[in-house]
C-alpha atoms as a PDB file:
ATOM      1  CA  UNK A   1      -0.248  -0.017  -0.393  1.00  0.00           C
ATOM      2  CA  UNK A   2       0.936   3.430  -0.201  1.00  0.00           C
ATOM      3  CA  UNK A   3       0.469   5.532   2.878  1.00  0.00           C
ATOM      4  CA  UNK A   4       0.621   9.254   3.332  1.00  0.00           C
ATOM      5  CA  UNK A   5       1.827   9.826   6.536  1.00  0.00           C
ATOM      6  CA  UNK A   6       0.568  13.396   8.181  1.00  0.00           C
ATOM      7  CA  UNK A   7       2.799  14.294  11.228  1.00  0.00           C
ATOM      8  CA  UNK A   8       5.057  11.488  11.047  1.00  0.00           C
ATOM      9  CA  UNK A   9       7.871  12.975  13.038  1.00  0.00           C
ATOM     10  CA  UNK A  10       5.486  13.696  15.745  1.00  0.00           C
ATOM     11  CA  UNK A  11       5.364  11.050  19.148  1.00  0.00           C
ATOM     12  CA  UNK A  12       2.806   9.799  17.538  1.00  0.00           C
ATOM     13  CA  UNK A  13       3.123   9.936  14.115  1.00  0.00           C
ATOM     14  CA  UNK A  14       6.752   8.366  14.761  1.00  0.00           C
ATOM     15  CA  UNK A  15       5.073   5.475  16.535  1.00  0.00           C
ATOM     16  CA  UNK A  16       3.112   4.823  13.117  1.00  0.00           C
ATOM     17  CA  UNK A  17       5.648   5.100  10.545  1.00  0.00           C
ATOM     18  CA  UNK A  18       7.506   2.434  12.879  1.00  0.00           C
ATOM     19  CA  UNK A  19       4.223  -0.229  12.873  1.00  0.00           C
ATOM     20  CA  UNK A  20       3.527   0.227   9.363  1.00  0.00           C
ATOM     21  CA  UNK A  21       7.360  -0.343   8.022  1.00  0.00           C
ATOM     22  CA  UNK A  22       7.115  -3.869   9.169  1.00  0.00           C
ATOM     23  CA  UNK A  23       5.257  -4.540   6.052  1.00  0.00           C
ATOM     24  CA  UNK A  24       7.853  -4.101   2.764  1.00  0.00           C
ATOM     25  CA  UNK A  25       4.719  -4.054   1.325  1.00  0.00           C
ATOM     26  CA  UNK A  26       3.795  -0.684   2.232  1.00  0.00           C
ATOM     27  CA  UNK A  27       5.531   2.359   0.985  1.00  0.00           C
ATOM     28  CA  UNK A  28       5.490   5.473   3.580  1.00  0.00           C
ATOM     29  CA  UNK A  29       5.896   9.138   2.616  1.00  0.00           C
ATOM     30  CA  UNK A  30       6.040  11.047   5.518  1.00  0.00           C
ATOM     31  CA  UNK A  31       4.579  14.025   5.807  1.00  0.00           C
ATOM     32  CA  UNK A  32       5.688  17.313   8.234  1.00  0.00           C
ATOM     33  CA  UNK A  33       4.651  20.953   8.502  1.00  0.00           C
ATOM     34  CA  UNK A  34       8.263  21.466   8.612  1.00  0.00           C
ATOM     35  CA  UNK A  35       9.725  17.884   7.897  1.00  0.00           C
ATOM     36  CA  UNK A  36       9.590  15.102   6.081  1.00  0.00           C
ATOM     37  CA  UNK A  37       9.293  13.867   2.509  1.00  0.00           C
ATOM     38  CA  UNK A  38       7.335  16.275   1.414  1.00  0.00           C
ATOM     39  CA  UNK A  39       5.533  19.011   3.798  1.00  0.00           C
ATOM     40  CA  UNK A  40       2.020  20.138   4.323  1.00  0.00           C
ATOM     41  CA  UNK A  41       0.355  23.118   5.923  1.00  0.00           C
ATOM     42  CA  UNK A  42      -3.412  21.344   7.105  1.00  0.00           C
ATOM     43  CA  UNK A  43      -4.456  25.041   7.684  1.00  0.00           C
ATOM     44  CA  UNK A  44      -3.752  26.110   4.120  1.00  0.00           C
ATOM     45  CA  UNK A  45      -5.883  24.730   0.941  1.00  0.00           C
ATOM     46  CA  UNK A  46      -3.538  25.457  -1.345  1.00  0.00           C
ATOM     47  CA  UNK A  47      -0.681  24.196   0.726  1.00  0.00           C
ATOM     48  CA  UNK A  48      -3.016  20.031   0.929  1.00  0.00           C
ATOM     49  CA  UNK A  49      -3.409  20.851  -2.921  1.00  0.00           C
ATOM     50  CA  UNK A  50       0.235  21.211  -3.603  1.00  0.00           C
ATOM     51  CA  UNK A  51       0.762  17.918  -0.772  1.00  0.00           C
ATOM     52  CA  UNK A  52      -1.559  15.567  -3.226  1.00  0.00           C
ATOM     53  CA  UNK A  53       0.135  16.649  -6.530  1.00  0.00           C
ATOM     54  CA  UNK A  54       2.926  15.534  -5.434  1.00  0.00           C
ATOM     55  CA  UNK A  55       1.976  12.497  -3.653  1.00  0.00           C
ATOM     56  CA  UNK A  56       0.167  11.347  -6.900  1.00  0.00           C
ATOM     57  CA  UNK A  57      -2.586   8.313  -6.220  1.00  0.00           C
ATOM     58  CA  UNK A  58      -2.247   6.799  -2.946  1.00  0.00           C
ATOM     59  CA  UNK A  59      -4.419   4.003  -1.321  1.00  0.00           C
ATOM     60  CA  UNK A  60      -4.630   5.715   2.345  1.00  0.00           C
ATOM     61  CA  UNK A  61      -4.761   8.698   4.436  1.00  0.00           C
ATOM     62  CA  UNK A  62      -3.259   9.112   7.974  1.00  0.00           C
ATOM     63  CA  UNK A  63      -3.165  12.123   9.713  1.00  0.00           C
ATOM     64  CA  UNK A  64      -1.693  11.942  13.674  1.00  0.00           C
ATOM     65  CA  UNK A  65      -1.554  16.011  13.954  1.00  0.00           C
ATOM     66  CA  UNK A  66      -3.152  19.127  14.897  1.00  0.00           C
ATOM     67  CA  UNK A  67      -3.123  21.769  17.494  1.00  0.00           C
ATOM     68  CA  UNK A  68      -6.300  22.725  19.837  1.00  0.00           C
ATOM     69  CA  UNK A  69      -6.040  25.473  22.890  1.00  0.00           C
ATOM     70  CA  UNK A  70      -5.906  25.070  26.398  1.00  0.00           C
ATOM     71  CA  UNK A  71      -6.707  27.015  28.899  1.00  0.00           C
ATOM     72  CA  UNK A  72      -9.519  28.347  31.303  1.00  0.00           C
ATOM     73  CA  UNK A  73     -13.135  28.878  29.972  1.00  0.00           C
ATOM     74  CA  UNK A  74     -13.644  31.994  32.208  1.00  0.00           C
ATOM     75  CA  UNK A  75     -10.465  33.684  30.233  1.00  0.00           C
ATOM     76  CA  UNK A  76     -11.309  31.845  26.539  1.00  0.00           C
ATOM     77  CA  UNK A  77     -11.462  33.939  23.519  1.00  0.00           C
ATOM     78  CA  UNK A  78     -13.532  33.227  20.433  1.00  0.00           C
ATOM     79  CA  UNK A  79      -9.808  33.641  18.506  1.00  0.00           C
ATOM     80  CA  UNK A  80      -9.199  31.340  21.429  1.00  0.00           C
ATOM     81  CA  UNK A  81     -11.223  28.634  20.935  1.00  0.00           C
ATOM     82  CA  UNK A  82     -10.888  29.029  16.716  1.00  0.00           C
ATOM     83  CA  UNK A  83      -7.109  27.857  17.039  1.00  0.00           C
ATOM     84  CA  UNK A  84      -8.591  24.075  16.992  1.00  0.00           C
ATOM     85  CA  UNK A  85     -11.301  24.904  14.588  1.00  0.00           C
ATOM     86  CA  UNK A  86      -8.602  25.860  12.379  1.00  0.00           C
ATOM     87  CA  UNK A  87      -6.024  23.588  13.257  1.00  0.00           C
ATOM     88  CA  UNK A  88      -7.601  20.191  14.450  1.00  0.00           C
ATOM     89  CA  UNK A  89     -10.742  19.873  13.114  1.00  0.00           C
ATOM     90  CA  UNK A  90     -10.484  22.171   9.916  1.00  0.00           C
ATOM     91  CA  UNK A  91      -6.983  20.724   8.759  1.00  0.00           C
ATOM     92  CA  UNK A  92      -7.581  17.228   9.258  1.00  0.00           C
ATOM     93  CA  UNK A  93     -11.793  17.079   7.839  1.00  0.00           C
ATOM     94  CA  UNK A  94      -9.084  19.721   4.650  1.00  0.00           C
ATOM     95  CA  UNK A  95      -6.718  16.771   3.964  1.00  0.00           C
ATOM     96  CA  UNK A  96      -9.748  13.679   4.455  1.00  0.00           C
ATOM     97  CA  UNK A  97     -12.178  16.285   1.928  1.00  0.00           C
ATOM     98  CA  UNK A  98      -9.008  17.198  -0.609  1.00  0.00           C
ATOM     99  CA  UNK A  99      -7.633  13.225   0.102  1.00  0.00           C
ATOM    100  CA  UNK A 100     -10.504  11.535  -0.937  1.00  0.00           C
ATOM    101  CA  UNK A 101      -9.550  12.272  -4.326  1.00  0.00           C
ATOM    102  CA  UNK A 102      -6.781  11.138  -4.953  1.00  0.00           C
ATOM    103  CA  UNK A 103      -6.945   7.756  -3.018  1.00  0.00           C
ATOM    104  CA  UNK A 104      -7.323   5.097  -5.072  1.00  0.00           C
ATOM    105  CA  UNK A 105     -10.324   2.569  -4.660  1.00  0.00           C
ATOM    106  CA  UNK A 106     -11.337   0.953  -1.644  1.00  0.00           C
ATOM    107  CA  UNK A 107      -8.739   3.299   0.089  1.00  0.00           C
ATOM    108  CA  UNK A 108      -8.984   4.811   3.363  1.00  0.00           C
ATOM    109  CA  UNK A 109      -8.485   7.387   5.743  1.00  0.00           C
ATOM    110  CA  UNK A 110      -7.791   7.798   9.075  1.00  0.00           C
ATOM    111  CA  UNK A 111      -7.993  10.821  11.705  1.00  0.00           C
ATOM    112  CA  UNK A 112      -7.221  11.092  15.231  1.00  0.00           C
ATOM    113  CA  UNK A 113      -8.984  12.810  18.496  1.00  0.00           C
ATOM    114  CA  UNK A 114      -7.914  11.704  21.000  1.00  0.00           C
ATOM    115  CA  UNK A 115      -9.750  10.360  24.871  1.00  0.00           C
ATOM    116  CA  UNK A 116     -11.186  14.291  26.299  1.00  0.00           C
ATOM    117  CA  UNK A 117     -13.722  13.900  23.645  1.00  0.00           C
ATOM    118  CA  UNK A 118     -15.280  11.865  26.115  1.00  0.00           C
ATOM    119  CA  UNK A 119     -13.659  12.494  29.068  1.00  0.00           C
ATOM    120  CA  UNK A 120     -13.682  16.339  29.627  1.00  0.00           C
ATOM    121  CA  UNK A 121     -10.549  18.019  31.590  1.00  0.00           C
ATOM    122  CA  UNK A 122      -9.893  21.483  33.468  1.00  0.00           C
ATOM    123  CA  UNK A 123      -9.014  23.714  30.403  1.00  0.00           C
ATOM    124  CA  UNK A 124      -9.754  21.410  27.505  1.00  0.00           C
ATOM    125  CA  UNK A 125     -13.625  22.763  26.246  1.00  0.00           C
ATOM    126  CA  UNK A 126     -11.416  23.378  22.770  1.00  0.00           C
ATOM    127  CA  UNK A 127     -10.162  20.372  22.624  1.00  0.00           C
ATOM    128  CA  UNK A 128     -13.219  18.205  23.384  1.00  0.00           C
ATOM    129  CA  UNK A 129     -15.581  20.328  20.989  1.00  0.00           C
ATOM    130  CA  UNK A 130     -12.941  19.097  18.131  1.00  0.00           C
ATOM    131  CA  UNK A 131     -12.837  15.956  19.314  1.00  0.00           C
ATOM    132  CA  UNK A 132     -16.019  15.218  19.492  1.00  0.00           C
ATOM    133  CA  UNK A 133     -16.882  17.234  15.942  1.00  0.00           C
ATOM    134  CA  UNK A 134     -14.451  15.130  14.312  1.00  0.00           C
ATOM    135  CA  UNK A 135     -16.205  12.510  15.206  1.00  0.00           C
ATOM    136  CA  UNK A 136     -19.817  13.059  13.718  1.00  0.00           C
ATOM    137  CA  UNK A 137     -18.071  13.689  11.046  1.00  0.00           C
ATOM    138  CA  UNK A 138     -16.050  10.629  10.108  1.00  0.00           C
ATOM    139  CA  UNK A 139     -19.079   9.162  11.154  1.00  0.00           C
ATOM    140  CA  UNK A 140     -21.021  10.947   8.536  1.00  0.00           C
ATOM    141  CA  UNK A 141     -18.572  10.859   5.757  1.00  0.00           C
ATOM    142  CA  UNK A 142     -18.485   7.197   5.809  1.00  0.00           C
ATOM    143  CA  UNK A 143     -21.645   7.018   5.185  1.00  0.00           C
ATOM    144  CA  UNK A 144     -21.329   8.914   1.712  1.00  0.00           C
ATOM    145  CA  UNK A 145     -17.524   7.634   0.696  1.00  0.00           C
ATOM    146  CA  UNK A 146     -18.109   6.048  -2.915  1.00  0.00           C
ATOM    147  CA  UNK A 147     -15.788   3.353  -4.145  1.00  0.00           C
ATOM    148  CA  UNK A 148     -15.385   1.602  -1.286  1.00  0.00           C
ATOM    149  CA  UNK A 149     -13.221   4.471   0.455  1.00  0.00           C
ATOM    150  CA  UNK A 150     -13.560   4.063   4.882  1.00  0.00           C
ATOM    151  CA  UNK A 151     -12.720   6.415   6.997  1.00  0.00           C
ATOM    152  CA  UNK A 152     -12.032   6.063  10.385  1.00  0.00           C
ATOM    153  CA  UNK A 153     -11.243   8.339  13.610  1.00  0.00           C
ATOM    154  CA  UNK A 154      -7.939   6.932  16.265  1.00  0.00           C
ATOM    155  CA  UNK A 155      -8.575   8.243  19.786  1.00  0.00           C
ATOM    156  CA  UNK A 156      -6.048   8.034  22.583  1.00  0.00           C
ATOM    157  CA  UNK A 157      -5.905   8.385  26.207  1.00  0.00           C
ATOM    158  CA  UNK A 158      -2.769  10.170  27.029  1.00  0.00           C
ATOM    159  CA  UNK A 159       0.330   8.506  25.464  1.00  0.00           C
ATOM    160  CA  UNK A 160       2.818   7.433  27.794  1.00  0.00           C
ATOM    161  CA  UNK A 161       5.673   9.079  25.945  1.00  0.00           C
ATOM    162  CA  UNK A 162       3.967  12.402  26.451  1.00  0.00           C
ATOM    163  CA  UNK A 163       2.934  12.244  30.120  1.00  0.00           C
ATOM    164  CA  UNK A 164       6.360  14.265  31.094  1.00  0.00           C
ATOM    165  CA  UNK A 165       4.963  17.264  29.435  1.00  0.00           C
ATOM    166  CA  UNK A 166       0.713  16.858  29.929  1.00  0.00           C
ATOM    167  CA  UNK A 167       0.836  14.671  33.034  1.00  0.00           C
ATOM    168  CA  UNK A 168      -0.876  16.975  35.252  1.00  0.00           C
ATOM    169  CA  UNK A 169      -3.749  17.957  32.572  1.00  0.00           C
ATOM    170  CA  UNK A 170      -4.240  14.378  33.494  1.00  0.00           C
ATOM    171  CA  UNK A 171      -4.890  13.720  36.673  1.00  0.00           C
ATOM    172  CA  UNK A 172      -5.645  10.135  37.009  1.00  0.00           C
ATOM    173  CA  UNK A 173      -5.568   8.967  33.835  1.00  0.00           C
ATOM    174  CA  UNK A 174      -3.715   5.677  32.577  1.00  0.00           C
ATOM    175  CA  UNK A 175      -1.308   6.503  30.010  1.00  0.00           C
ATOM    176  CA  UNK A 176      -0.531   3.795  26.825  1.00  0.00           C
ATOM    177  CA  UNK A 177       2.697   3.745  24.847  1.00  0.00           C
ATOM    178  CA  UNK A 178       3.095   5.001  21.535  1.00  0.00           C
ATOM    179  CA  UNK A 179       3.703   2.326  19.538  1.00  0.00           C
ATOM    180  CA  UNK A 180       0.283   0.499  21.580  1.00  0.00           C
ATOM    181  CA  UNK A 181      -2.024   3.399  20.081  1.00  0.00           C
ATOM    182  CA  UNK A 182       0.144   2.556  16.363  1.00  0.00           C
ATOM    183  CA  UNK A 183      -1.760  -0.069  16.244  1.00  0.00           C
ATOM    184  CA  UNK A 184      -4.687   1.211  15.605  1.00  0.00           C
ATOM    185  CA  UNK A 185      -4.545   3.189  12.819  1.00  0.00           C
ATOM    186  CA  UNK A 186      -2.443   0.057  10.859  1.00  0.00           C
ATOM    187  CA  UNK A 187      -6.095  -1.809  11.977  1.00  0.00           C
ATOM    188  CA  UNK A 188      -7.689   1.478  10.086  1.00  0.00           C
ATOM    189  CA  UNK A 189      -5.654   1.679   6.864  1.00  0.00           C
ATOM    190  CA  UNK A 190      -5.414  -1.828   6.229  1.00  0.00           C
ATOM    191  CA  UNK A 191      -9.162  -3.377   7.774  1.00  0.00           C
ATOM    192  CA  UNK A 192     -12.506  -3.056   6.844  1.00  0.00           C
ATOM    193  CA  UNK A 193     -14.612  -1.146   8.689  1.00  0.00           C
ATOM    194  CA  UNK A 194     -15.446   2.194   8.328  1.00  0.00           C
ATOM    195  CA  UNK A 195     -16.821   5.174  10.267  1.00  0.00           C
ATOM    196  CA  UNK A 196     -16.045   4.144  13.531  1.00  0.00           C
ATOM    197  CA  UNK A 197     -13.666   5.314  16.294  1.00  0.00           C
ATOM    198  CA  UNK A 198     -10.867   3.112  17.635  1.00  0.00           C
ATOM    199  CA  UNK A 199     -10.001   3.905  21.378  1.00  0.00           C
ATOM    200  CA  UNK A 200      -7.061   3.229  22.458  1.00  0.00           C
ATOM    201  CA  UNK A 201      -6.699   3.191  25.775  1.00  0.00           C
ATOM    202  CA  UNK A 202      -9.829   3.582  27.647  1.00  0.00           C
END
């Protein structure tokens, strides 16, 4: 399979690359904002168009990227809230909308949300809203995608590798290694299900 992995240089993205590299049949295209085989800015439609012009037809698209705003609700502004909307939500939606047209028949799209969609945390209102919206998008899009194209969402809990940075935001939450979360991306890309949220670690 020819697979585009957006966010390939991040903690989760590196784990997904390592998992998929185990299968010599896969050809991986590593994409990042500044690093990788190719670069893309998911907030810029022209940049996404340019990415797919370079990749040509592919069998799978995986996104392991997206920024959200963390901060107390009492101080949040619409501008703050727009961070997650424009980056993690619309960025991944844009990737799916554009990507459906360069996927081969039976191809797949895998997006990323997170546990906060189901288990809110303090200062995480933007993240909860964005992750929940991604789940709705995937559920509905699966009903309309043609040519046997599938779409799924991977929703991991906090990654063990990120505990030092994010642990204080997730009191009492268990973490999972990125390598375990990566299995869900393989399941999505190589499996048969569509419109699913693959929850990892909760």
